[in-house]
Amino acid sequence: MNELETKIIDISVDDIKDKLANINATLVKKENQINYIFDFEDRRLLAKKGYARVRVVEDLLHNKSVTYMTTKRLISEEVYKLMEENETIIDDSEAGIKIFKSLGLLICEEVKKYRESYSYKNTLVEIDINDKSFCPFPYLEIESESEDEVAEIVNLLGYTMADTNPKSIYEIMNDKGL
């Protein structure tokens, strides 16, 4: 699956939640995550803005845990980040970790975050609050298959496309000197 993705950084979480409620966006996820980011020792995947990941999700809406095994590869990064994403649910995070390690990948990072996701039409709006040791500010990720819907939701939330950023959170933090 290919997804268009952009970010808005340094948001007011309460303000965004109010605006999402005002446009009748539907809360679809409320979760704690642990993301194990993998790459080869030479960091060739991250250098090309891709990665492999095992994500353990504590689903707070449905009181269950789900584990995903994912690879992402950057296709384009202009107004939007266009990624090729391959993802599957796995039964056991340790098995996923062992599979990636058996391919020669190493855990580069373990990132903990809280995420709330809202659906508006066919677009997903995600509020990410990472462990402060990784990323000290909350941000939005807006994902869709439609450029028009991304622009619409950006405007409905009180921003313009000039306020968006297609870069990865790693690049954004690097730009901020973090």
N, C-alpha and C. Protein backbone atom coordinates (compact mmCIF):
# COMPACT_ATOMS: atom_id res chain seq x y z
N MET A 1 0.84 -1.18 0.00
CA MET A 1 0.00 0.00 0.00
C MET A 1 0.89 1.24 0.00
N ASN A 2 0.51 2.24 -0.75
CA ASN A 2 1.19 3.52 -0.74
C ASN A 2 0.33 4.52 0.02
N GLU A 3 0.98 5.35 0.82
CA GLU A 3 0.24 6.35 1.58
C GLU A 3 0.89 7.70 1.42
N LEU A 4 0.06 8.74 1.35
CA LEU A 4 0.54 10.11 1.41
C LEU A 4 0.58 10.48 2.88
N GLU A 5 1.65 11.10 3.31
CA GLU A 5 1.77 11.45 4.72
C GLU A 5 2.43 12.80 4.86
N THR A 6 1.91 13.59 5.78
CA THR A 6 2.56 14.85 6.14
C THR A 6 2.40 15.05 7.63
N LYS A 7 3.20 15.94 8.18
CA LYS A 7 3.17 16.21 9.62
C LYS A 7 2.95 17.69 9.88
N ILE A 8 2.39 17.98 11.03
CA ILE A 8 2.32 19.32 11.58
C ILE A 8 2.92 19.20 12.98
N ILE A 9 3.95 20.00 13.25
CA ILE A 9 4.69 19.82 14.51
C ILE A 9 4.33 20.93 15.50
N ASP A 10 4.73 20.69 16.75
CA ASP A 10 4.52 21.65 17.84
C ASP A 10 3.06 22.08 17.96
N ILE A 11 2.20 21.11 18.06
CA ILE A 11 0.76 21.38 18.12
C ILE A 11 0.30 21.53 19.57
N SER A 12 -0.88 22.12 19.74
CA SER A 12 -1.59 22.09 21.02
C SER A 12 -2.54 20.91 20.96
N VAL A 13 -2.27 19.88 21.73
CA VAL A 13 -3.07 18.66 21.68
C VAL A 13 -4.54 18.95 21.99
N ASP A 14 -4.81 19.74 23.03
CA ASP A 14 -6.20 20.04 23.39
C ASP A 14 -6.91 20.81 22.28
N ASP A 15 -6.22 21.76 21.66
CA ASP A 15 -6.80 22.53 20.56
C ASP A 15 -7.14 21.61 19.38
N ILE A 16 -6.23 20.72 19.05
CA ILE A 16 -6.47 19.79 17.93
C ILE A 16 -7.66 18.88 18.25
N LYS A 17 -7.73 18.36 19.46
CA LYS A 17 -8.85 17.49 19.84
C LYS A 17 -10.18 18.24 19.73
N ASP A 18 -10.20 19.50 20.15
CA ASP A 18 -11.43 20.31 20.02
C ASP A 18 -11.82 20.48 18.56
N LYS A 19 -10.85 20.79 17.72
CA LYS A 19 -11.14 20.98 16.30
C LYS A 19 -11.60 19.68 15.64
N LEU A 20 -11.00 18.57 16.02
CA LEU A 20 -11.44 17.27 15.48
C LEU A 20 -12.86 16.95 15.91
N ALA A 21 -13.21 17.29 17.15
CA ALA A 21 -14.58 17.09 17.63
C ALA A 21 -15.55 17.97 16.85
N ASN A 22 -15.15 19.20 16.54
CA ASN A 22 -16.01 20.14 15.82
C ASN A 22 -16.31 19.70 14.39
N ILE A 23 -15.42 18.93 13.79
CA ILE A 23 -15.68 18.45 12.42
C ILE A 23 -16.20 17.01 12.41
N ASN A 24 -16.55 16.52 13.61
CA ASN A 24 -17.09 15.17 13.77
C ASN A 24 -16.15 14.07 13.31
N ALA A 25 -14.86 14.27 13.50
CA ALA A 25 -13.90 13.20 13.24
C ALA A 25 -14.13 12.11 14.29
N THR A 26 -13.94 10.87 13.90
CA THR A 26 -14.21 9.73 14.75
C THR A 26 -12.93 9.20 15.38
N LEU A 27 -12.93 9.06 16.71
CA LEU A 27 -11.79 8.45 17.39
C LEU A 27 -11.75 6.97 17.02
N VAL A 28 -10.65 6.53 16.40
CA VAL A 28 -10.55 5.14 15.96
C VAL A 28 -9.44 4.37 16.66
N LYS A 29 -8.49 5.09 17.27
CA LYS A 29 -7.39 4.44 17.99
C LYS A 29 -7.00 5.29 19.19
N LYS A 30 -6.70 4.59 20.24
CA LYS A 30 -6.13 5.20 21.45
C LYS A 30 -5.18 4.15 21.98
N GLU A 31 -3.87 4.41 21.87
CA GLU A 31 -2.96 3.32 22.13
C GLU A 31 -1.60 3.78 22.65
N ASN A 32 -0.98 2.88 23.38
CA ASN A 32 0.42 2.99 23.74
C ASN A 32 1.19 2.08 22.80
N GLN A 33 2.33 2.54 22.33
CA GLN A 33 3.12 1.77 21.39
C GLN A 33 4.57 1.65 21.86
N ILE A 34 5.16 0.52 21.51
CA ILE A 34 6.61 0.37 21.56
C ILE A 34 7.02 0.00 20.14
N ASN A 35 7.87 0.84 19.55
CA ASN A 35 8.33 0.65 18.19
C ASN A 35 9.80 0.28 18.20
N TYR A 36 10.11 -0.91 17.69
CA TYR A 36 11.48 -1.35 17.54
C TYR A 36 11.87 -1.09 16.10
N ILE A 37 12.80 -0.14 15.89
CA ILE A 37 13.23 0.26 14.56
C ILE A 37 14.51 -0.50 14.22
N PHE A 38 14.50 -1.15 13.05
CA PHE A 38 15.63 -1.98 12.63
C PHE A 38 16.29 -1.41 11.38
N ASP A 39 17.58 -1.65 11.29
CA ASP A 39 18.34 -1.34 10.09
C ASP A 39 19.60 -2.20 10.11
N PHE A 40 20.31 -2.19 9.00
CA PHE A 40 21.60 -2.86 8.95
C PHE A 40 22.62 -2.02 9.71
N GLU A 41 23.75 -2.61 10.03
CA GLU A 41 24.78 -1.91 10.80
C GLU A 41 25.21 -0.61 10.13
N ASP A 42 25.22 -0.59 8.80
CA ASP A 42 25.65 0.61 8.08
C ASP A 42 24.52 1.63 7.89
N ARG A 43 23.34 1.34 8.45
CA ARG A 43 22.18 2.25 8.41
C ARG A 43 21.70 2.57 6.99
N ARG A 44 21.83 1.61 6.09
CA ARG A 44 21.47 1.88 4.69
C ARG A 44 19.97 2.08 4.48
N LEU A 45 19.13 1.45 5.30
CA LEU A 45 17.68 1.66 5.14
C LEU A 45 17.30 3.07 5.58
N LEU A 46 17.75 3.47 6.75
CA LEU A 46 17.43 4.81 7.26
C LEU A 46 18.05 5.89 6.36
N ALA A 47 19.22 5.62 5.80
CA ALA A 47 19.86 6.59 4.90
C ALA A 47 18.99 6.84 3.67
N LYS A 48 18.24 5.82 3.27
CA LYS A 48 17.33 5.96 2.12
C LYS A 48 15.90 6.25 2.59
N LYS A 49 15.77 6.64 3.86
CA LYS A 49 14.50 7.02 4.48
C LYS A 49 13.48 5.88 4.50
N GLY A 50 13.98 4.70 4.78
CA GLY A 50 13.14 3.53 4.97
C GLY A 50 13.54 2.87 6.27
N TYR A 51 12.83 1.80 6.62
CA TYR A 51 13.18 1.06 7.82
C TYR A 51 12.34 -0.20 7.91
N ALA A 52 12.73 -1.04 8.83
CA ALA A 52 11.93 -2.20 9.23
C ALA A 52 11.52 -1.95 10.68
N ARG A 53 10.34 -2.45 11.04
CA ARG A 53 9.85 -2.14 12.38
C ARG A 53 9.00 -3.30 12.92
N VAL A 54 9.13 -3.53 14.21
CA VAL A 54 8.17 -4.34 14.97
C VAL A 54 7.50 -3.37 15.92
N ARG A 55 6.17 -3.30 15.85
CA ARG A 55 5.40 -2.38 16.70
C ARG A 55 4.47 -3.19 17.59
N VAL A 56 4.60 -2.98 18.90
CA VAL A 56 3.71 -3.61 19.87
C VAL A 56 2.72 -2.53 20.31
N VAL A 57 1.44 -2.80 20.11
CA VAL A 57 0.38 -1.83 20.39
C VAL A 57 -0.48 -2.32 21.53
N GLU A 58 -0.61 -1.47 22.56
CA GLU A 58 -1.58 -1.70 23.62
C GLU A 58 -2.81 -0.88 23.23
N ASP A 59 -3.83 -1.56 22.72
CA ASP A 59 -5.06 -0.93 22.24
C ASP A 59 -5.94 -0.60 23.44
N LEU A 60 -6.02 0.68 23.79
CA LEU A 60 -6.75 1.11 24.99
C LEU A 60 -8.26 1.17 24.76
N LEU A 61 -8.69 1.24 23.50
CA LEU A 61 -10.13 1.25 23.21
C LEU A 61 -10.75 -0.14 23.30
N HIS A 62 -9.97 -1.16 22.93
CA HIS A 62 -10.49 -2.53 22.88
C HIS A 62 -9.85 -3.46 23.89
N ASN A 63 -8.98 -2.89 24.75
CA ASN A 63 -8.33 -3.65 25.81
C ASN A 63 -7.65 -4.92 25.30
N LYS A 64 -6.78 -4.74 24.28
CA LYS A 64 -6.04 -5.88 23.74
C LYS A 64 -4.69 -5.39 23.23
N SER A 65 -3.82 -6.34 22.95
CA SER A 65 -2.51 -6.02 22.38
C SER A 65 -2.40 -6.63 20.99
N VAL A 66 -1.76 -5.90 20.09
CA VAL A 66 -1.54 -6.36 18.72
C VAL A 66 -0.11 -6.02 18.36
N THR A 67 0.54 -6.93 17.62
CA THR A 67 1.91 -6.69 17.19
C THR A 67 1.97 -6.71 15.66
N TYR A 68 2.66 -5.71 15.11
CA TYR A 68 2.79 -5.57 13.66
C TYR A 68 4.26 -5.68 13.27
N MET A 69 4.48 -6.27 12.12
CA MET A 69 5.79 -6.32 11.50
C MET A 69 5.68 -5.55 10.20
N THR A 70 6.58 -4.55 10.01
CA THR A 70 6.41 -3.59 8.92
C THR A 70 7.74 -3.28 8.25
N THR A 71 7.68 -3.03 6.96
CA THR A 71 8.79 -2.39 6.25
C THR A 71 8.22 -1.17 5.54
N LYS A 72 9.02 -0.11 5.50
CA LYS A 72 8.64 1.10 4.78
C LYS A 72 9.79 1.53 3.91
N ARG A 73 9.44 2.05 2.73
CA ARG A 73 10.44 2.55 1.78
C ARG A 73 9.92 3.83 1.17
N LEU A 74 10.75 4.87 1.19
CA LEU A 74 10.38 6.16 0.63
C LEU A 74 10.32 6.07 -0.89
N ILE A 75 9.22 6.55 -1.44
CA ILE A 75 9.07 6.64 -2.89
C ILE A 75 9.31 8.07 -3.34
N SER A 76 8.74 9.03 -2.60
CA SER A 76 8.85 10.44 -2.98
C SER A 76 8.67 11.29 -1.73
N GLU A 77 9.29 12.48 -1.75
CA GLU A 77 9.17 13.39 -0.61
C GLU A 77 9.18 14.82 -1.15
N GLU A 78 8.01 15.28 -1.54
CA GLU A 78 7.90 16.65 -2.03
C GLU A 78 6.96 17.38 -1.09
N VAL A 79 5.72 17.65 -1.51
CA VAL A 79 4.73 18.23 -0.61
C VAL A 79 4.34 17.20 0.44
N TYR A 80 4.26 15.94 0.00
CA TYR A 80 3.90 14.82 0.87
C TYR A 80 5.04 13.81 0.85
N LYS A 81 5.06 13.02 1.90
CA LYS A 81 5.94 11.87 1.89
C LYS A 81 5.12 10.72 1.34
N LEU A 82 5.58 10.07 0.28
CA LEU A 82 4.91 8.92 -0.30
C LEU A 82 5.75 7.70 0.03
N MET A 83 5.15 6.79 0.77
CA MET A 83 5.86 5.61 1.25
C MET A 83 5.21 4.34 0.71
N GLU A 84 6.04 3.37 0.39
CA GLU A 84 5.56 2.01 0.16
C GLU A 84 5.60 1.34 1.53
N GLU A 85 4.47 0.78 1.95
CA GLU A 85 4.40 0.16 3.26
C GLU A 85 3.91 -1.27 3.11
N ASN A 86 4.63 -2.18 3.74
CA ASN A 86 4.23 -3.59 3.80
C ASN A 86 4.12 -3.95 5.27
N GLU A 87 2.94 -4.42 5.67
CA GLU A 87 2.71 -4.66 7.09
C GLU A 87 1.83 -5.88 7.28
N THR A 88 2.12 -6.62 8.35
CA THR A 88 1.30 -7.76 8.71
C THR A 88 1.23 -7.87 10.24
N ILE A 89 0.16 -8.44 10.72
CA ILE A 89 0.03 -8.72 12.15
C ILE A 89 0.75 -10.02 12.44
N ILE A 90 1.51 -10.04 13.53
CA ILE A 90 2.20 -11.26 13.94
C ILE A 90 1.76 -11.62 15.36
N ASP A 91 1.93 -12.88 15.70
CA ASP A 91 1.49 -13.36 17.01
C ASP A 91 2.43 -13.01 18.15
N ASP A 92 3.71 -12.80 17.83
CA ASP A 92 4.71 -12.72 18.88
C ASP A 92 5.78 -11.70 18.49
N SER A 93 5.93 -10.66 19.29
CA SER A 93 6.93 -9.63 18.98
C SER A 93 8.34 -10.20 18.97
N GLU A 94 8.63 -11.12 19.87
CA GLU A 94 9.97 -11.71 19.92
C GLU A 94 10.29 -12.47 18.63
N ALA A 95 9.29 -13.15 18.06
CA ALA A 95 9.51 -13.85 16.79
C ALA A 95 9.82 -12.86 15.69
N GLY A 96 9.10 -11.75 15.63
CA GLY A 96 9.36 -10.72 14.63
C GLY A 96 10.75 -10.14 14.78
N ILE A 97 11.13 -9.86 16.01
CA ILE A 97 12.47 -9.33 16.29
C ILE A 97 13.53 -10.34 15.82
N LYS A 98 13.33 -11.62 16.11
CA LYS A 98 14.29 -12.66 15.71
C LYS A 98 14.37 -12.78 14.19
N ILE A 99 13.23 -12.64 13.50
CA ILE A 99 13.24 -12.71 12.03
C ILE A 99 14.09 -11.58 11.46
N PHE A 100 13.85 -10.36 11.90
CA PHE A 100 14.64 -9.24 11.40
C PHE A 100 16.13 -9.43 11.74
N LYS A 101 16.43 -9.88 12.95
CA LYS A 101 17.83 -10.10 13.34
C LYS A 101 18.46 -11.20 12.48
N SER A 102 17.69 -12.24 12.15
CA SER A 102 18.24 -13.33 11.33
C SER A 102 18.58 -12.86 9.92
N LEU A 103 17.98 -11.74 9.49
CA LEU A 103 18.28 -11.16 8.18
C LEU A 103 19.47 -10.19 8.25
N GLY A 104 20.05 -10.06 9.43
CA GLY A 104 21.21 -9.18 9.60
C GLY A 104 20.86 -7.78 10.07
N LEU A 105 19.61 -7.55 10.43
CA LEU A 105 19.19 -6.24 10.92
C LEU A 105 19.45 -6.13 12.42
N LEU A 106 19.68 -4.92 12.87
CA LEU A 106 19.91 -4.63 14.29
C LEU A 106 18.83 -3.67 14.78
N ILE A 107 18.50 -3.75 16.06
CA ILE A 107 17.59 -2.75 16.63
C ILE A 107 18.37 -1.46 16.78
N CYS A 108 17.92 -0.42 16.07
CA CYS A 108 18.59 0.88 16.12
C CYS A 108 17.98 1.78 17.18
N GLU A 109 16.70 1.55 17.42
CA GLU A 109 15.99 2.45 18.32
C GLU A 109 14.77 1.73 18.88
N GLU A 110 14.44 2.06 20.11
CA GLU A 110 13.21 1.60 20.74
C GLU A 110 12.46 2.87 21.14
N VAL A 111 11.32 3.10 20.48
CA VAL A 111 10.58 4.35 20.66
C VAL A 111 9.23 4.04 21.28
N LYS A 112 8.95 4.71 22.41
CA LYS A 112 7.65 4.56 23.07
C LYS A 112 6.83 5.80 22.80
N LYS A 113 5.55 5.59 22.50
CA LYS A 113 4.68 6.73 22.24
C LYS A 113 3.24 6.42 22.59
N TYR A 114 2.50 7.49 22.82
CA TYR A 114 1.04 7.44 22.96
C TYR A 114 0.48 8.02 21.68
N ARG A 115 -0.54 7.37 21.13
CA ARG A 115 -1.15 7.85 19.88
C ARG A 115 -2.67 7.79 19.98
N GLU A 116 -3.28 8.89 19.55
CA GLU A 116 -4.73 8.91 19.31
C GLU A 116 -4.92 9.14 17.83
N SER A 117 -5.79 8.35 17.22
CA SER A 117 -6.05 8.47 15.79
C SER A 117 -7.52 8.74 15.55
N TYR A 118 -7.77 9.65 14.62
CA TYR A 118 -9.12 10.04 14.26
C TYR A 118 -9.31 9.86 12.76
N SER A 119 -10.50 9.44 12.41
CA SER A 119 -10.85 9.26 11.00
C SER A 119 -11.73 10.41 10.55
N TYR A 120 -11.38 10.98 9.41
CA TYR A 120 -12.20 12.01 8.77
C TYR A 120 -12.26 11.64 7.30
N LYS A 121 -13.47 11.30 6.81
CA LYS A 121 -13.64 10.77 5.46
C LYS A 121 -12.71 9.56 5.33
N ASN A 122 -11.78 9.59 4.38
CA ASN A 122 -10.84 8.47 4.20
C ASN A 122 -9.43 8.83 4.65
N THR A 123 -9.35 9.78 5.56
CA THR A 123 -8.05 10.27 6.03
C THR A 123 -7.90 9.98 7.52
N LEU A 124 -6.69 9.63 7.90
CA LEU A 124 -6.37 9.35 9.29
C LEU A 124 -5.55 10.51 9.85
N VAL A 125 -5.98 11.05 10.98
CA VAL A 125 -5.28 12.13 11.67
C VAL A 125 -4.79 11.56 12.99
N GLU A 126 -3.48 11.56 13.17
CA GLU A 126 -2.90 10.92 14.35
C GLU A 126 -2.15 11.94 15.20
N ILE A 127 -2.50 11.97 16.48
CA ILE A 127 -1.79 12.80 17.45
C ILE A 127 -0.76 11.90 18.11
N ASP A 128 0.50 12.25 17.94
CA ASP A 128 1.59 11.46 18.52
C ASP A 128 2.26 12.22 19.64
N ILE A 129 2.36 11.54 20.79
CA ILE A 129 3.09 12.08 21.94
C ILE A 129 4.12 11.03 22.32
N ASN A 130 5.36 11.28 21.92
CA ASN A 130 6.45 10.34 22.15
C ASN A 130 7.03 10.51 23.54
N ASP A 131 7.72 9.49 23.98
CA ASP A 131 8.52 9.61 25.19
C ASP A 131 9.44 10.81 24.99
N LYS A 132 9.47 11.70 25.96
CA LYS A 132 10.23 12.96 25.84
C LYS A 132 11.71 12.73 25.54
N SER A 133 12.24 11.58 25.95
CA SER A 133 13.66 11.30 25.68
C SER A 133 13.90 11.09 24.19
N PHE A 134 12.85 10.77 23.44
CA PHE A 134 12.99 10.60 21.99
C PHE A 134 12.61 11.87 21.25
N CYS A 135 11.39 12.38 21.51
CA CYS A 135 10.89 13.57 20.81
C CYS A 135 10.13 14.43 21.82
N PRO A 136 10.61 15.64 22.10
CA PRO A 136 10.04 16.43 23.19
C PRO A 136 8.77 17.20 22.86
N PHE A 137 8.25 17.08 21.65
CA PHE A 137 7.05 17.84 21.28
C PHE A 137 6.02 16.92 20.63
N PRO A 138 4.72 17.22 20.85
CA PRO A 138 3.68 16.45 20.17
C PRO A 138 3.53 16.92 18.73
N TYR A 139 3.02 16.05 17.89
CA TYR A 139 2.83 16.41 16.48
C TYR A 139 1.68 15.61 15.88
N LEU A 140 1.22 16.08 14.74
CA LEU A 140 0.19 15.39 13.98
C LEU A 140 0.81 14.69 12.80
N GLU A 141 0.30 13.51 12.49
CA GLU A 141 0.56 12.87 11.22
C GLU A 141 -0.78 12.78 10.51
N ILE A 142 -0.81 13.17 9.27
CA ILE A 142 -2.03 13.09 8.47
C ILE A 142 -1.72 12.15 7.32
N GLU A 143 -2.49 11.05 7.24
CA GLU A 143 -2.26 10.02 6.23
C GLU A 143 -3.51 9.83 5.40
N SER A 144 -3.32 9.73 4.10
CA SER A 144 -4.45 9.56 3.20
C SER A 144 -3.95 9.03 1.87
N GLU A 145 -4.88 8.63 1.04
CA GLU A 145 -4.56 8.32 -0.35
C GLU A 145 -4.97 9.48 -1.24
N SER A 146 -5.56 10.54 -0.65
CA SER A 146 -6.10 11.67 -1.41
C SER A 146 -5.42 12.98 -1.00
N GLU A 147 -4.77 13.63 -1.96
CA GLU A 147 -4.17 14.94 -1.70
C GLU A 147 -5.23 15.95 -1.30
N ASP A 148 -6.41 15.89 -1.95
CA ASP A 148 -7.48 16.84 -1.64
C ASP A 148 -7.95 16.70 -0.20
N GLU A 149 -8.07 15.47 0.28
CA GLU A 149 -8.50 15.27 1.67
C GLU A 149 -7.45 15.75 2.66
N VAL A 150 -6.17 15.55 2.34
CA VAL A 150 -5.12 16.04 3.23
C VAL A 150 -5.23 17.56 3.33
N ALA A 151 -5.34 18.22 2.18
CA ALA A 151 -5.45 19.69 2.19
C ALA A 151 -6.70 20.15 2.93
N GLU A 152 -7.80 19.44 2.76
CA GLU A 152 -9.05 19.79 3.44
C GLU A 152 -8.90 19.69 4.95
N ILE A 153 -8.35 18.59 5.45
CA ILE A 153 -8.23 18.41 6.90
C ILE A 153 -7.21 19.40 7.47
N VAL A 154 -6.14 19.67 6.75
CA VAL A 154 -5.16 20.67 7.21
C VAL A 154 -5.86 22.01 7.41
N ASN A 155 -6.69 22.41 6.44
CA ASN A 155 -7.41 23.68 6.54
C ASN A 155 -8.44 23.66 7.66
N LEU A 156 -9.16 22.55 7.81
CA LEU A 156 -10.17 22.45 8.86
C LEU A 156 -9.55 22.52 10.26
N LEU A 157 -8.29 22.11 10.37
CA LEU A 157 -7.61 22.17 11.67
C LEU A 157 -6.94 23.52 11.91
N GLY A 158 -7.12 24.45 10.97
CA GLY A 158 -6.63 25.81 11.16
C GLY A 158 -5.21 26.05 10.65
N TYR A 159 -4.74 25.17 9.80
CA TYR A 159 -3.40 25.30 9.26
C TYR A 159 -3.48 25.47 7.74
N THR A 160 -2.33 25.73 7.14
CA THR A 160 -2.22 25.74 5.68
C THR A 160 -1.22 24.67 5.29
N MET A 161 -1.15 24.35 4.03
CA MET A 161 -0.17 23.36 3.57
C MET A 161 1.25 23.84 3.82
N ALA A 162 1.45 25.14 3.93
CA ALA A 162 2.78 25.68 4.25
C ALA A 162 3.20 25.30 5.67
N ASP A 163 2.24 24.97 6.53
CA ASP A 163 2.53 24.55 7.91
C ASP A 163 2.90 23.08 8.00
N THR A 164 2.75 22.34 6.91
CA THR A 164 2.99 20.90 6.94
C THR A 164 4.44 20.59 6.61
N ASN A 165 4.84 19.38 6.95
CA ASN A 165 6.21 18.96 6.75
C ASN A 165 6.22 17.49 6.33
N PRO A 166 6.76 17.18 5.14
CA PRO A 166 6.78 15.78 4.70
C PRO A 166 7.94 14.97 5.26
N LYS A 167 8.83 15.60 6.01
CA LYS A 167 10.02 14.91 6.50
C LYS A 167 9.67 13.89 7.59
N SER A 168 10.59 12.97 7.79
CA SER A 168 10.44 12.01 8.89
C SER A 168 10.65 12.74 10.21
N ILE A 169 10.18 12.16 11.29
CA ILE A 169 10.37 12.79 12.59
C ILE A 169 11.86 12.89 12.92
N TYR A 170 12.67 11.94 12.43
CA TYR A 170 14.11 12.01 12.65
C TYR A 170 14.70 13.24 11.96
N GLU A 171 14.28 13.51 10.73
CA GLU A 171 14.78 14.68 10.01
C GLU A 171 14.31 15.99 10.67
N ILE A 172 13.06 16.00 11.11
CA ILE A 172 12.52 17.20 11.76
C ILE A 172 13.30 17.49 13.04
N MET A 173 13.55 16.46 13.84
CA MET A 173 14.29 16.66 15.08
C MET A 173 15.72 17.12 14.77
N ASN A 174 16.31 16.56 13.73
CA ASN A 174 17.66 16.98 13.33
C ASN A 174 17.66 18.45 12.92
N ASP A 175 16.64 18.86 12.15
CA ASP A 175 16.51 20.27 11.75
C ASP A 175 16.38 21.19 12.96
N LYS A 176 15.75 20.69 14.03
CA LYS A 176 15.57 21.48 15.26
C LYS A 176 16.79 21.37 16.19
N GLY A 177 17.79 20.62 15.77
CA GLY A 177 18.99 20.46 16.59
C GLY A 177 18.80 19.53 17.77
N LEU A 178 17.85 18.63 17.66
CA LEU A 178 17.58 17.67 18.76
C LEU A 178 18.24 16.33 18.51
